[in-house]
Amino acid sequence: MRPRLELRQAAVIAAKEFRDRIRNRWVLAVAIVFTLFALVISYFGAAQQGAVGFRGIDVTIASLASLVIYLVPLIALILGYDAVVGERENGSLELLLSMPITRLELLLGKYLGLAAALALSTLVGFGLAGVLVVYQAGGGALYHYAGFMLSSLLLGMAFLSMALMISVVAADRMRASGLAIAVWFFFVLVYDLLLLGLLVVAEGRFNLAFFPALLLLNPADIFRILNIFSFEDVGSLYGLATAFPKELADPAWLGIAMLLWIIAPLGVAIWRFK
């Protein structure tokens, strides 16, 4: 095995993974789902307030963020949970490793190919809906909507990294799928409930100055803060103004935190795969 990384080899694997997703129309299906959901939510997102139609970029992004938190992590985990363990089960992994390619190049290529497929479906799906949103809200909304799309992409990359880590450590495809579902439930549904329980139990008893740091331990919460805290009225509605200090809500710091969520699970996957 060659000791150094050759990006050309990784690019070959990435291109194959990307072509496979294009060929089975996975990218097209996800893009259509994103487009339809985004258009429906943009129009009916304020229905609980007794009104329909476009209600402004802040309400639209807050409504779309609720969709992304549930849907994008699930799609990313489904996309990547069997990337390695599936190859191992059908016997093709040994064939790939017998070729002049390192394990690092193979795993990095798989991640880049899957990430490209997820990025294309996300950008196309939300981008088509974004044309209508920006048309309704005016050119000033382009900045906020572009930030929303970028953060959605980073959220998907973070959960894709976790999916690849699961695929490396799992013994078989069934266990990998179970772990992927467990990860989705924990970060999307359970984690915030645990934090809420901590707030209730510790009220008036403990100093919770570290509480904002706990929110950074969940990529879904980082995404939520990125897309909701920038709008003062929406942030107050969600209670973030009191739970998260403004000095930590800098998009640059939150972006770095999200990048760490992409790098760390992928690094564990690479270490374990070697």
Protein backbone atom coordinates (compact mmCIF):
# COMPACT_ATOMS: atom_id res chain seq x y z
CA MET A 1 0.00 0.00 0.00
CA ARG A 2 1.24 3.49 -0.80
CA PRO A 3 1.92 5.54 2.34
CA ARG A 4 0.74 8.90 1.03
CA LEU A 5 -2.60 10.24 -0.07
CA GLU A 6 -3.25 10.72 -3.79
CA LEU A 7 -6.28 12.88 -4.38
CA ARG A 8 -6.64 11.54 -7.91
CA GLN A 9 -7.37 8.07 -6.55
CA ALA A 10 -9.89 9.45 -4.08
CA ALA A 11 -11.49 11.46 -6.89
CA VAL A 12 -12.04 8.27 -8.91
CA ILE A 13 -13.92 6.67 -6.02
CA ALA A 14 -15.86 9.89 -5.42
CA ALA A 15 -16.91 10.09 -9.07
CA LYS A 16 -18.13 6.48 -8.97
CA GLU A 17 -20.20 7.08 -5.82
CA PHE A 18 -21.67 10.25 -7.32
CA ARG A 19 -22.52 8.54 -10.63
CA ASP A 20 -24.22 5.70 -8.80
CA ARG A 21 -26.52 8.14 -6.99
CA ILE A 22 -27.26 10.00 -10.23
CA ARG A 23 -27.93 6.73 -12.05
CA ASN A 24 -30.47 5.46 -9.53
CA ARG A 25 -32.19 8.88 -9.52
CA TRP A 26 -31.52 9.35 -5.80
CA VAL A 27 -30.41 12.96 -6.29
CA LEU A 28 -33.48 13.76 -8.38
CA ALA A 29 -35.88 12.23 -5.86
CA VAL A 30 -34.39 14.10 -2.89
CA ALA A 31 -34.28 17.38 -4.83
CA ILE A 32 -37.97 17.04 -5.69
CA VAL A 33 -38.82 16.28 -2.05
CA PHE A 34 -36.89 19.33 -0.84
CA THR A 35 -38.49 21.56 -3.47
CA LEU A 36 -42.04 20.47 -2.69
CA PHE A 37 -41.64 20.70 1.07
CA ALA A 38 -39.91 24.09 0.82
CA LEU A 39 -42.65 25.53 -1.40
CA VAL A 40 -45.45 24.21 0.82
CA ILE A 41 -43.82 25.40 4.03
CA SER A 42 -42.99 28.80 2.54
CA TYR A 43 -46.67 29.30 1.79
CA PHE A 44 -48.31 27.58 4.76
CA GLY A 45 -45.57 28.07 7.36
CA ALA A 46 -47.62 30.64 9.30
CA ALA A 47 -50.88 28.70 9.18
CA GLN A 48 -50.78 28.18 12.96
CA GLN A 49 -51.12 31.96 13.31
CA GLY A 50 -54.29 31.81 11.19
CA ALA A 51 -52.76 33.06 7.93
CA VAL A 52 -51.41 31.57 4.73
CA GLY A 53 -49.15 32.98 2.08
CA PHE A 54 -45.65 34.37 2.21
CA ARG A 55 -45.09 36.15 5.55
CA GLY A 56 -41.51 37.42 5.28
CA ILE A 57 -38.05 35.93 5.06
CA ASP A 58 -37.69 35.51 8.84
CA VAL A 59 -40.85 33.43 9.24
CA THR A 60 -40.06 31.49 6.07
CA ILE A 61 -36.53 30.53 7.16
CA ALA A 62 -37.72 29.65 10.67
CA SER A 63 -40.35 27.33 9.17
CA LEU A 64 -37.90 25.80 6.69
CA ALA A 65 -35.35 25.30 9.49
CA SER A 66 -37.86 23.11 11.32
CA LEU A 67 -38.14 20.96 8.19
CA VAL A 68 -34.39 20.74 7.64
CA ILE A 69 -33.64 19.68 11.22
CA TYR A 70 -35.81 16.59 10.78
CA LEU A 71 -35.31 15.76 7.12
CA VAL A 72 -31.70 16.52 6.16
CA PRO A 73 -30.03 14.49 8.98
CA LEU A 74 -32.28 11.53 8.20
CA ILE A 75 -31.46 11.63 4.48
CA ALA A 76 -27.73 11.98 5.19
CA LEU A 77 -27.75 8.98 7.55
CA ILE A 78 -29.72 6.87 5.08
CA LEU A 79 -27.32 7.85 2.31
CA GLY A 80 -24.14 6.86 4.13
CA TYR A 81 -24.88 4.21 6.74
CA ASP A 82 -24.07 1.28 4.42
CA ALA A 83 -21.27 2.92 2.39
CA VAL A 84 -18.61 0.63 3.89
CA VAL A 85 -20.48 -2.15 5.67
CA GLY A 86 -22.56 -2.75 2.55
CA GLU A 87 -19.40 -3.22 0.46
CA ARG A 88 -18.06 -5.55 3.13
CA GLU A 89 -21.21 -7.69 3.13
CA ASN A 90 -21.39 -8.15 -0.64
CA GLY A 91 -17.66 -8.88 -0.90
CA SER A 92 -16.69 -5.89 -3.05
CA LEU A 93 -14.66 -4.22 -0.29
CA GLU A 94 -11.88 -6.84 -0.52
CA LEU A 95 -11.75 -6.32 -4.27
CA LEU A 96 -11.44 -2.55 -3.85
CA LEU A 97 -8.68 -2.89 -1.25
CA SER A 98 -6.76 -5.27 -3.50
CA MET A 99 -6.31 -2.44 -5.99
CA PRO A 100 -3.54 0.18 -5.76
CA ILE A 101 -5.52 2.43 -3.44
CA THR A 102 -5.12 3.14 0.26
CA ARG A 103 -7.87 2.84 2.83
CA LEU A 104 -7.73 6.59 3.38
CA GLU A 105 -8.24 7.27 -0.32
CA LEU A 106 -11.14 4.82 -0.45
CA LEU A 107 -12.96 6.24 2.55
CA LEU A 108 -12.29 9.86 1.61
CA GLY A 109 -13.47 9.18 -1.94
CA LYS A 110 -16.69 7.62 -0.70
CA TYR A 111 -17.37 10.56 1.58
CA LEU A 112 -16.69 13.14 -1.13
CA GLY A 113 -18.89 11.33 -3.64
CA LEU A 114 -21.79 10.99 -1.22
CA ALA A 115 -21.31 14.58 -0.05
CA ALA A 116 -21.46 15.81 -3.65
CA ALA A 117 -24.72 13.93 -4.23
CA LEU A 118 -26.23 15.29 -1.02
CA ALA A 119 -25.02 18.81 -1.80
CA LEU A 120 -26.47 18.75 -5.32
CA SER A 121 -29.89 17.56 -4.15
CA THR A 122 -29.94 20.07 -1.28
CA LEU A 123 -28.85 23.06 -3.35
CA VAL A 124 -31.12 22.24 -6.28
CA GLY A 125 -34.12 21.45 -4.07
CA PHE A 126 -33.93 24.50 -1.83
CA GLY A 127 -32.53 26.66 -4.62
CA LEU A 128 -35.61 26.23 -6.80
CA ALA A 129 -37.84 27.21 -3.91
CA GLY A 130 -35.45 30.03 -3.08
CA VAL A 131 -36.12 31.68 -6.44
CA LEU A 132 -39.76 32.15 -5.42
CA VAL A 133 -38.85 33.20 -1.88
CA VAL A 134 -36.39 35.85 -3.04
CA TYR A 135 -38.88 37.04 -5.66
CA GLN A 136 -41.53 37.51 -2.97
CA ALA A 137 -39.21 39.02 -0.33
CA GLY A 138 -36.94 41.09 -2.57
CA GLY A 139 -33.22 41.01 -3.19
CA GLY A 140 -32.41 41.72 0.45
CA ALA A 141 -33.60 38.24 1.37
CA LEU A 142 -30.95 36.61 -0.81
CA TYR A 143 -28.25 36.94 1.88
CA HIS A 144 -30.36 35.25 4.56
CA TYR A 145 -31.60 32.52 2.24
CA ALA A 146 -28.09 31.78 0.97
CA GLY A 147 -26.96 31.45 4.59
CA PHE A 148 -29.84 29.07 5.25
CA MET A 149 -28.86 26.87 2.29
CA LEU A 150 -25.19 26.83 3.32
CA SER A 151 -26.02 25.88 6.91
CA SER A 152 -28.37 23.16 5.63
CA LEU A 153 -25.51 21.80 3.58
CA LEU A 154 -23.15 21.82 6.58
CA LEU A 155 -25.76 20.04 8.70
CA GLY A 156 -26.06 17.31 6.07
CA MET A 157 -22.27 16.95 5.85
CA ALA A 158 -22.04 16.57 9.65
CA PHE A 159 -24.59 13.75 9.74
CA LEU A 160 -23.03 12.17 6.66
CA SER A 161 -19.73 12.02 8.58
CA MET A 162 -21.53 10.27 11.43
CA ALA A 163 -23.14 7.89 8.94
CA LEU A 164 -19.75 6.96 7.52
CA MET A 165 -18.39 6.40 11.03
CA ILE A 166 -21.34 4.11 11.76
CA SER A 167 -20.74 2.23 8.52
CA VAL A 168 -17.11 1.59 9.49
CA VAL A 169 -17.70 0.43 13.07
CA ALA A 170 -20.89 -1.61 12.52
CA ALA A 171 -20.55 -5.36 12.12
CA ASP A 172 -23.33 -5.69 9.53
CA ARG A 173 -25.85 -3.63 7.60
CA MET A 174 -28.72 -4.32 10.00
CA ARG A 175 -26.77 -3.05 12.99
CA ALA A 176 -25.60 -0.05 10.98
CA SER A 177 -29.19 0.88 10.16
CA GLY A 178 -30.17 0.53 13.82
CA LEU A 179 -27.29 2.78 14.89
CA ALA A 180 -28.21 5.35 12.24
CA ILE A 181 -31.81 5.49 13.49
CA ALA A 182 -30.57 5.78 17.08
CA VAL A 183 -28.25 8.67 16.15
CA TRP A 184 -31.11 10.47 14.41
CA PHE A 185 -33.44 10.03 17.39
CA PHE A 186 -30.80 11.18 19.87
CA PHE A 187 -29.62 14.34 18.14
CA VAL A 188 -32.93 15.41 16.59
CA LEU A 189 -35.47 14.40 19.23
CA VAL A 190 -33.94 13.29 22.53
CA TYR A 191 -31.03 15.69 23.08
CA ASP A 192 -33.10 18.84 23.46
CA LEU A 193 -35.52 17.04 25.77
CA LEU A 194 -32.57 16.13 27.99
CA LEU A 195 -31.42 19.75 28.04
CA LEU A 196 -34.93 20.90 28.89
CA GLY A 197 -35.04 18.41 31.74
CA LEU A 198 -31.68 19.70 32.97
CA LEU A 199 -33.02 23.25 33.00
CA VAL A 200 -36.08 22.22 34.98
CA VAL A 201 -34.15 20.13 37.51
CA ALA A 202 -31.34 22.66 38.00
CA GLU A 203 -33.50 25.77 38.20
CA GLY A 204 -32.26 27.85 41.13
CA ARG A 205 -29.96 25.06 42.34
CA PHE A 206 -26.95 25.04 40.03
CA ASN A 207 -25.08 27.56 37.94
CA LEU A 208 -25.88 26.79 34.32
CA ALA A 209 -23.30 29.08 32.76
CA PHE A 210 -22.08 26.10 30.74
CA PHE A 211 -25.52 25.52 29.20
CA PRO A 212 -24.78 27.31 25.88
CA ALA A 213 -21.77 25.03 25.38
CA LEU A 214 -24.11 22.04 25.61
CA LEU A 215 -26.05 23.37 22.63
CA LEU A 216 -22.83 23.28 20.58
CA LEU A 217 -22.57 19.53 21.24
CA ASN A 218 -25.46 18.97 18.85
CA PRO A 219 -25.14 19.93 15.16
CA ALA A 220 -28.93 20.25 14.91
CA ASP A 221 -28.90 22.91 17.64
CA ILE A 222 -26.03 24.74 15.94
CA PHE A 223 -28.09 24.82 12.75
CA ARG A 224 -31.12 26.08 14.64
CA ILE A 225 -29.14 28.90 16.26
CA LEU A 226 -27.56 29.89 12.94
CA ASN A 227 -30.93 30.29 11.26
CA ILE A 228 -33.11 31.61 14.07
CA PHE A 229 -30.90 33.74 16.28
CA SER A 230 -30.14 36.19 13.45
CA PHE A 231 -33.80 37.28 13.52
CA GLU A 232 -34.47 39.02 16.84
CA ASP A 233 -38.24 38.53 16.85
CA VAL A 234 -38.01 34.85 15.93
CA GLY A 235 -35.20 34.26 18.41
CA SER A 236 -37.31 35.71 21.22
CA LEU A 237 -40.22 33.54 20.15
CA TYR A 238 -38.06 30.40 20.39
CA GLY A 239 -36.57 31.50 23.71
CA LEU A 240 -33.04 31.57 22.35
CA ALA A 241 -32.44 35.14 23.43
CA THR A 242 -32.31 34.04 27.07
CA ALA A 243 -30.73 30.61 26.57
CA PHE A 244 -27.87 31.52 24.26
CA PRO A 245 -25.65 34.60 24.67
CA LYS A 246 -25.16 36.81 21.64
CA GLU A 247 -21.38 36.70 21.93
CA LEU A 248 -21.49 32.97 21.12
CA ALA A 249 -23.99 33.43 18.30
CA ASP A 250 -21.36 34.73 15.89
CA PRO A 251 -21.92 32.86 12.61
CA ALA A 252 -18.15 32.42 12.24
CA TRP A 253 -17.84 30.56 15.56
CA LEU A 254 -20.95 28.51 14.87
CA GLY A 255 -19.61 27.67 11.41
CA ILE A 256 -16.35 26.47 12.96
CA ALA A 257 -18.31 24.34 15.42
CA MET A 258 -20.23 22.78 12.52
CA LEU A 259 -16.99 22.11 10.64
CA LEU A 260 -15.67 20.30 13.72
CA TRP A 261 -18.78 18.13 13.64
CA ILE A 262 -17.89 17.25 10.04
CA ILE A 263 -14.21 16.58 10.69
CA ALA A 264 -14.38 14.69 14.01
CA PRO A 265 -16.65 11.73 13.03
CA LEU A 266 -14.89 11.45 9.67
CA GLY A 267 -11.54 11.37 11.48
CA VAL A 268 -12.80 8.58 13.76
CA ALA A 269 -14.02 6.66 10.72
CA ILE A 270 -10.64 7.01 8.99
CA TRP A 271 -8.76 5.94 12.14
CA ARG A 272 -11.01 2.90 12.66
CA PHE A 273 -10.95 1.91 8.98
CA LYS A 274 -7.16 1.86 8.96
